Amino acid sequence: MFRLIWAASVRAHSILSYAPTNLLLVATRTRRGLRWGIPAMLLAIPYLLAAHWCVTTIENGGAGWLNLVVLLCSWNSIKLILNGPVTTILLMRALIEEAIARRDAARSGQPSICDQTSY
C-alpha cells in the first residue's frame, strides 16, 4: 500500500512540475529571477478573483465540481503570495554574499567573479 502511494505521488509530482505556477516559482528562484518575486505576487489576484467567482456561482446553484476549481485557485494564490517574501529573503542573502565576495576580492587584489556578470 505504501509503495502504491509513493508511486502515485512521484507520478503526480512529475506531471504537476509543468503546471504554470510551478514553472513560475522555479523561474523566480534563480538568481536572475529573484527580483521578480514581488511582482509575481500580483498574479495571485486573478486566481483570487476566479475563486471568488466560483464560490458565488456555487452558492447560486452552480455545479459542485467548481469546488475543485476553488481549491486549485486558492492553492495557486497561496503559493504565489508566499513566494514574494521568500524570494526577497533569498535576494537579500545573494546580495550580501556577492558583496562579501567583492570585498574579499578587493582585499586580495584579484578581480571578482561578481564584477564580471551582469544582471
N, C-alpha and C. Protein backbone atom coordinates (compact mmCIF):
# COMPACT_ATOMS: atom_id res chain seq x y z
N MET A 1 0.82 -1.19 0.00
CA MET A 1 0.00 0.00 0.00
C MET A 1 0.87 1.26 0.00
N PHE A 2 1.91 1.24 0.85
CA PHE A 2 2.80 2.39 0.92
C PHE A 2 3.51 2.60 -0.41
N ARG A 3 3.88 1.50 -1.06
CA ARG A 3 4.57 1.59 -2.35
C ARG A 3 3.66 2.20 -3.41
N LEU A 4 2.38 1.87 -3.38
CA LEU A 4 1.42 2.42 -4.33
C LEU A 4 1.25 3.93 -4.13
N ILE A 5 1.14 4.35 -2.89
CA ILE A 5 1.01 5.78 -2.58
C ILE A 5 2.27 6.52 -3.00
N TRP A 6 3.43 5.93 -2.74
CA TRP A 6 4.69 6.56 -3.12
C TRP A 6 4.77 6.72 -4.63
N ALA A 7 4.44 5.68 -5.37
CA ALA A 7 4.50 5.74 -6.84
C ALA A 7 3.51 6.77 -7.39
N ALA A 8 2.33 6.83 -6.81
CA ALA A 8 1.34 7.81 -7.25
C ALA A 8 1.80 9.24 -6.98
N SER A 9 2.44 9.47 -5.84
CA SER A 9 2.91 10.82 -5.53
C SER A 9 4.07 11.22 -6.43
N VAL A 10 4.92 10.28 -6.79
CA VAL A 10 6.03 10.58 -7.70
C VAL A 10 5.49 10.94 -9.08
N ARG A 11 4.51 10.19 -9.56
CA ARG A 11 3.93 10.49 -10.87
C ARG A 11 3.18 11.83 -10.84
N ALA A 12 2.47 12.10 -9.77
CA ALA A 12 1.75 13.38 -9.67
C ALA A 12 2.75 14.54 -9.63
N HIS A 13 3.85 14.37 -8.94
CA HIS A 13 4.85 15.43 -8.88
C HIS A 13 5.47 15.67 -10.26
N SER A 14 5.73 14.60 -10.99
CA SER A 14 6.34 14.79 -12.31
C SER A 14 5.36 15.46 -13.28
N ILE A 15 4.08 15.20 -13.14
CA ILE A 15 3.09 15.84 -14.00
C ILE A 15 2.88 17.29 -13.59
N LEU A 16 2.76 17.54 -12.29
CA LEU A 16 2.47 18.89 -11.81
C LEU A 16 3.67 19.82 -11.86
N SER A 17 4.85 19.29 -12.11
CA SER A 17 6.01 20.17 -12.20
C SER A 17 5.94 21.04 -13.45
N TYR A 18 5.08 20.70 -14.40
CA TYR A 18 4.90 21.50 -15.60
C TYR A 18 3.70 22.44 -15.53
N ALA A 19 3.09 22.56 -14.38
CA ALA A 19 1.98 23.49 -14.20
C ALA A 19 2.52 24.92 -14.26
N PRO A 20 1.75 25.86 -14.79
CA PRO A 20 2.25 27.23 -14.98
C PRO A 20 2.76 27.90 -13.70
N THR A 21 2.05 27.75 -12.61
CA THR A 21 2.51 28.41 -11.38
C THR A 21 3.78 27.75 -10.85
N ASN A 22 3.92 26.45 -11.01
CA ASN A 22 5.14 25.79 -10.57
C ASN A 22 6.33 26.21 -11.43
N LEU A 23 6.12 26.39 -12.72
CA LEU A 23 7.18 26.88 -13.59
C LEU A 23 7.58 28.31 -13.20
N LEU A 24 6.59 29.12 -12.84
CA LEU A 24 6.89 30.49 -12.40
C LEU A 24 7.69 30.49 -11.10
N LEU A 25 7.32 29.61 -10.17
CA LEU A 25 8.06 29.54 -8.92
C LEU A 25 9.50 29.11 -9.16
N VAL A 26 9.71 28.16 -10.05
CA VAL A 26 11.07 27.71 -10.36
C VAL A 26 11.86 28.85 -11.00
N ALA A 27 11.21 29.60 -11.89
CA ALA A 27 11.90 30.71 -12.56
C ALA A 27 12.27 31.83 -11.59
N THR A 28 11.43 32.07 -10.59
CA THR A 28 11.73 33.14 -9.65
C THR A 28 12.73 32.72 -8.57
N ARG A 29 13.07 31.46 -8.50
CA ARG A 29 14.06 31.01 -7.52
C ARG A 29 15.48 31.02 -8.08
N THR A 30 15.66 31.37 -9.35
CA THR A 30 17.00 31.51 -9.90
C THR A 30 17.57 32.87 -9.49
N ARG A 31 18.85 33.06 -9.67
CA ARG A 31 19.46 34.34 -9.27
C ARG A 31 18.91 35.49 -10.08
N ARG A 32 18.71 35.28 -11.38
CA ARG A 32 18.16 36.35 -12.22
C ARG A 32 16.69 36.59 -11.95
N GLY A 33 15.98 35.58 -11.50
CA GLY A 33 14.55 35.71 -11.29
C GLY A 33 14.14 36.18 -9.91
N LEU A 34 15.09 36.29 -9.00
CA LEU A 34 14.75 36.67 -7.63
C LEU A 34 14.10 38.04 -7.55
N ARG A 35 14.48 38.93 -8.45
CA ARG A 35 13.91 40.27 -8.40
C ARG A 35 12.46 40.30 -8.85
N TRP A 36 11.98 39.24 -9.48
CA TRP A 36 10.60 39.18 -9.96
C TRP A 36 9.66 38.51 -8.97
N GLY A 37 10.11 38.22 -7.77
CA GLY A 37 9.27 37.55 -6.78
C GLY A 37 8.10 38.40 -6.31
N ILE A 38 8.37 39.66 -6.01
CA ILE A 38 7.31 40.56 -5.54
C ILE A 38 6.31 40.87 -6.66
N PRO A 39 6.75 41.21 -7.90
CA PRO A 39 5.76 41.42 -8.96
C PRO A 39 4.96 40.16 -9.28
N ALA A 40 5.56 39.00 -9.10
CA ALA A 40 4.84 37.76 -9.36
C ALA A 40 3.71 37.54 -8.35
N MET A 41 3.81 38.19 -7.20
CA MET A 41 2.74 38.09 -6.21
C MET A 41 1.43 38.68 -6.76
N LEU A 42 1.55 39.63 -7.67
CA LEU A 42 0.34 40.23 -8.24
C LEU A 42 -0.48 39.24 -9.06
N LEU A 43 0.15 38.16 -9.50
CA LEU A 43 -0.58 37.15 -10.25
C LEU A 43 -1.55 36.36 -9.37
N ALA A 44 -1.45 36.54 -8.06
CA ALA A 44 -2.39 35.89 -7.16
C ALA A 44 -3.78 36.53 -7.25
N ILE A 45 -3.83 37.79 -7.68
CA ILE A 45 -5.11 38.50 -7.74
C ILE A 45 -6.10 37.83 -8.71
N PRO A 46 -5.70 37.50 -9.95
CA PRO A 46 -6.66 36.81 -10.83
C PRO A 46 -7.11 35.46 -10.27
N TYR A 47 -6.21 34.75 -9.60
CA TYR A 47 -6.60 33.47 -9.00
C TYR A 47 -7.63 33.69 -7.89
N LEU A 48 -7.44 34.72 -7.08
CA LEU A 48 -8.42 35.00 -6.02
C LEU A 48 -9.76 35.44 -6.60
N LEU A 49 -9.72 36.22 -7.68
CA LEU A 49 -10.97 36.63 -8.33
C LEU A 49 -11.70 35.43 -8.93
N ALA A 50 -10.95 34.52 -9.53
CA ALA A 50 -11.57 33.32 -10.11
C ALA A 50 -12.18 32.45 -9.00
N ALA A 51 -11.48 32.33 -7.88
CA ALA A 51 -12.02 31.56 -6.76
C ALA A 51 -13.30 32.21 -6.22
N HIS A 52 -13.29 33.53 -6.12
CA HIS A 52 -14.48 34.24 -5.64
C HIS A 52 -15.65 34.05 -6.59
N TRP A 53 -15.39 34.13 -7.89
CA TRP A 53 -16.44 33.93 -8.88
C TRP A 53 -17.01 32.52 -8.79
N CYS A 54 -16.14 31.53 -8.61
CA CYS A 54 -16.62 30.14 -8.50
C CYS A 54 -17.45 29.94 -7.23
N VAL A 55 -17.02 30.55 -6.14
CA VAL A 55 -17.77 30.41 -4.88
C VAL A 55 -19.17 31.03 -5.02
N THR A 56 -19.26 32.22 -5.62
CA THR A 56 -20.58 32.83 -5.79
C THR A 56 -21.44 32.02 -6.76
N THR A 57 -20.82 31.42 -7.76
CA THR A 57 -21.58 30.57 -8.69
C THR A 57 -22.10 29.34 -7.97
N ILE A 58 -21.28 28.74 -7.11
CA ILE A 58 -21.70 27.56 -6.36
C ILE A 58 -22.84 27.92 -5.41
N GLU A 59 -22.74 29.08 -4.74
CA GLU A 59 -23.79 29.49 -3.81
C GLU A 59 -25.10 29.77 -4.52
N ASN A 60 -25.05 30.16 -5.79
CA ASN A 60 -26.27 30.43 -6.55
C ASN A 60 -26.77 29.20 -7.30
N GLY A 61 -26.31 28.02 -6.90
CA GLY A 61 -26.82 26.79 -7.50
C GLY A 61 -25.96 26.24 -8.63
N GLY A 62 -24.71 26.59 -8.67
CA GLY A 62 -23.81 26.11 -9.73
C GLY A 62 -23.38 24.67 -9.49
N ALA A 63 -22.59 24.18 -10.40
CA ALA A 63 -22.11 22.80 -10.35
C ALA A 63 -21.16 22.59 -9.17
N GLY A 64 -21.22 21.41 -8.60
CA GLY A 64 -20.38 21.10 -7.45
C GLY A 64 -18.92 20.92 -7.80
N TRP A 65 -18.61 20.59 -9.04
CA TRP A 65 -17.21 20.40 -9.43
C TRP A 65 -16.42 21.70 -9.38
N LEU A 66 -17.12 22.83 -9.30
CA LEU A 66 -16.42 24.11 -9.19
C LEU A 66 -15.66 24.23 -7.87
N ASN A 67 -16.01 23.38 -6.89
CA ASN A 67 -15.26 23.37 -5.64
C ASN A 67 -13.79 23.00 -5.89
N LEU A 68 -13.55 22.12 -6.85
CA LEU A 68 -12.17 21.77 -7.21
C LEU A 68 -11.44 22.95 -7.81
N VAL A 69 -12.14 23.75 -8.60
CA VAL A 69 -11.53 24.95 -9.19
C VAL A 69 -11.21 25.96 -8.08
N VAL A 70 -12.10 26.08 -7.11
CA VAL A 70 -11.86 26.97 -5.97
C VAL A 70 -10.61 26.51 -5.21
N LEU A 71 -10.51 25.22 -4.99
CA LEU A 71 -9.35 24.68 -4.28
C LEU A 71 -8.06 24.94 -5.07
N LEU A 72 -8.09 24.71 -6.37
CA LEU A 72 -6.91 24.93 -7.21
C LEU A 72 -6.51 26.41 -7.24
N CYS A 73 -7.47 27.28 -7.43
CA CYS A 73 -7.18 28.73 -7.47
C CYS A 73 -6.67 29.23 -6.13
N SER A 74 -7.25 28.74 -5.04
CA SER A 74 -6.80 29.15 -3.71
C SER A 74 -5.37 28.69 -3.45
N TRP A 75 -5.08 27.44 -3.82
CA TRP A 75 -3.74 26.90 -3.60
C TRP A 75 -2.70 27.68 -4.41
N ASN A 76 -3.02 27.97 -5.66
CA ASN A 76 -2.08 28.72 -6.50
C ASN A 76 -1.86 30.13 -5.98
N SER A 77 -2.91 30.78 -5.49
CA SER A 77 -2.74 32.13 -4.95
C SER A 77 -1.91 32.11 -3.67
N ILE A 78 -2.08 31.10 -2.84
CA ILE A 78 -1.26 30.99 -1.63
C ILE A 78 0.20 30.79 -2.00
N LYS A 79 0.47 29.93 -2.99
CA LYS A 79 1.85 29.70 -3.42
C LYS A 79 2.49 31.00 -3.91
N LEU A 80 1.75 31.76 -4.72
CA LEU A 80 2.31 32.99 -5.27
C LEU A 80 2.50 34.06 -4.21
N ILE A 81 1.59 34.15 -3.26
CA ILE A 81 1.71 35.15 -2.20
C ILE A 81 2.89 34.83 -1.29
N LEU A 82 3.10 33.57 -0.96
CA LEU A 82 4.22 33.21 -0.09
C LEU A 82 5.55 33.27 -0.82
N ASN A 83 5.54 33.17 -2.14
CA ASN A 83 6.77 33.22 -2.90
C ASN A 83 7.43 34.60 -2.85
N GLY A 84 6.66 35.66 -2.72
CA GLY A 84 7.22 37.01 -2.69
C GLY A 84 8.18 37.23 -1.55
N PRO A 85 7.78 37.01 -0.30
CA PRO A 85 8.73 37.20 0.80
C PRO A 85 9.91 36.23 0.75
N VAL A 86 9.68 35.01 0.29
CA VAL A 86 10.77 34.04 0.20
C VAL A 86 11.83 34.52 -0.79
N THR A 87 11.40 34.98 -1.96
CA THR A 87 12.37 35.45 -2.95
C THR A 87 13.06 36.73 -2.48
N THR A 88 12.37 37.55 -1.72
CA THR A 88 13.00 38.76 -1.19
C THR A 88 14.13 38.39 -0.22
N ILE A 89 13.89 37.44 0.63
CA ILE A 89 14.92 36.99 1.57
C ILE A 89 16.09 36.35 0.82
N LEU A 90 15.78 35.53 -0.19
CA LEU A 90 16.84 34.91 -0.97
C LEU A 90 17.65 35.96 -1.74
N LEU A 91 16.99 37.00 -2.24
CA LEU A 91 17.70 38.06 -2.95
C LEU A 91 18.63 38.82 -2.00
N MET A 92 18.13 39.14 -0.81
CA MET A 92 18.99 39.83 0.16
C MET A 92 20.20 38.97 0.52
N ARG A 93 19.99 37.69 0.70
CA ARG A 93 21.09 36.79 1.02
C ARG A 93 22.11 36.73 -0.12
N ALA A 94 21.62 36.67 -1.36
CA ALA A 94 22.53 36.62 -2.52
C ALA A 94 23.31 37.92 -2.64
N LEU A 95 22.65 39.05 -2.41
CA LEU A 95 23.35 40.33 -2.49
C LEU A 95 24.42 40.47 -1.42
N ILE A 96 24.12 39.99 -0.22
CA ILE A 96 25.11 40.03 0.86
C ILE A 96 26.30 39.14 0.52
N GLU A 97 26.04 37.93 0.01
CA GLU A 97 27.13 37.03 -0.36
C GLU A 97 27.98 37.63 -1.48
N GLU A 98 27.35 38.28 -2.44
CA GLU A 98 28.10 38.91 -3.53
C GLU A 98 28.93 40.08 -3.03
N ALA A 99 28.39 40.85 -2.09
CA ALA A 99 29.15 41.97 -1.53
C ALA A 99 30.36 41.47 -0.75
N ILE A 100 30.19 40.38 -0.03
CA ILE A 100 31.31 39.79 0.71
C ILE A 100 32.37 39.28 -0.26
N ALA A 101 31.92 38.65 -1.34
CA ALA A 101 32.87 38.15 -2.34
C ALA A 101 33.63 39.30 -3.00
N ARG A 102 32.94 40.40 -3.30
CA ARG A 102 33.59 41.56 -3.89
C ARG A 102 34.60 42.18 -2.93
N ARG A 103 34.23 42.26 -1.66
CA ARG A 103 35.12 42.83 -0.65
C ARG A 103 36.37 41.97 -0.48
N ASP A 104 36.17 40.65 -0.44
CA ASP A 104 37.32 39.75 -0.29
C ASP A 104 38.22 39.81 -1.52
N ALA A 105 37.62 39.93 -2.70
CA ALA A 105 38.41 40.02 -3.92
C ALA A 105 39.17 41.34 -3.97
N ALA A 106 38.57 42.42 -3.50
CA ALA A 106 39.25 43.72 -3.49
C ALA A 106 40.42 43.71 -2.51
N ARG A 107 40.26 43.01 -1.41
CA ARG A 107 41.35 42.93 -0.42
C ARG A 107 42.52 42.12 -0.96
N SER A 108 42.21 41.07 -1.73
CA SER A 108 43.28 40.23 -2.25
C SER A 108 43.86 40.78 -3.55
N GLY A 109 43.20 41.75 -4.16
CA GLY A 109 43.69 42.36 -5.38
C GLY A 109 43.34 41.59 -6.64
N GLN A 110 42.48 40.59 -6.54
CA GLN A 110 42.07 39.81 -7.70
C GLN A 110 40.71 40.28 -8.17
N PRO A 111 40.43 40.16 -9.49
CA PRO A 111 39.09 40.54 -9.96
C PRO A 111 38.05 39.56 -9.43
N SER A 112 36.93 40.09 -9.08
CA SER A 112 35.85 39.27 -8.53
C SER A 112 35.00 38.68 -9.64
N ILE A 113 34.47 37.51 -9.39
CA ILE A 113 33.54 36.88 -10.34
C ILE A 113 32.26 37.69 -10.42
N CYS A 114 31.86 38.30 -9.31
CA CYS A 114 30.63 39.09 -9.28
C CYS A 114 30.74 40.32 -10.17
N ASP A 115 31.94 40.85 -10.37
CA ASP A 115 32.12 42.03 -11.21
C ASP A 115 31.99 41.71 -12.68
N GLN A 116 32.15 40.45 -13.05
CA GLN A 116 32.14 40.06 -14.46
C GLN A 116 30.75 39.75 -14.97
N THR A 117 29.83 39.46 -14.10
CA THR A 117 28.48 39.12 -14.53
C THR A 117 27.60 40.34 -14.51
N SER A 118 26.61 40.37 -15.38
CA SER A 118 25.66 41.48 -15.39
C SER A 118 24.28 40.92 -15.16
N TYR A 119 23.53 41.60 -14.35
CA TYR A 119 22.16 41.15 -14.05
C TYR A 119 21.23 42.11 -14.65
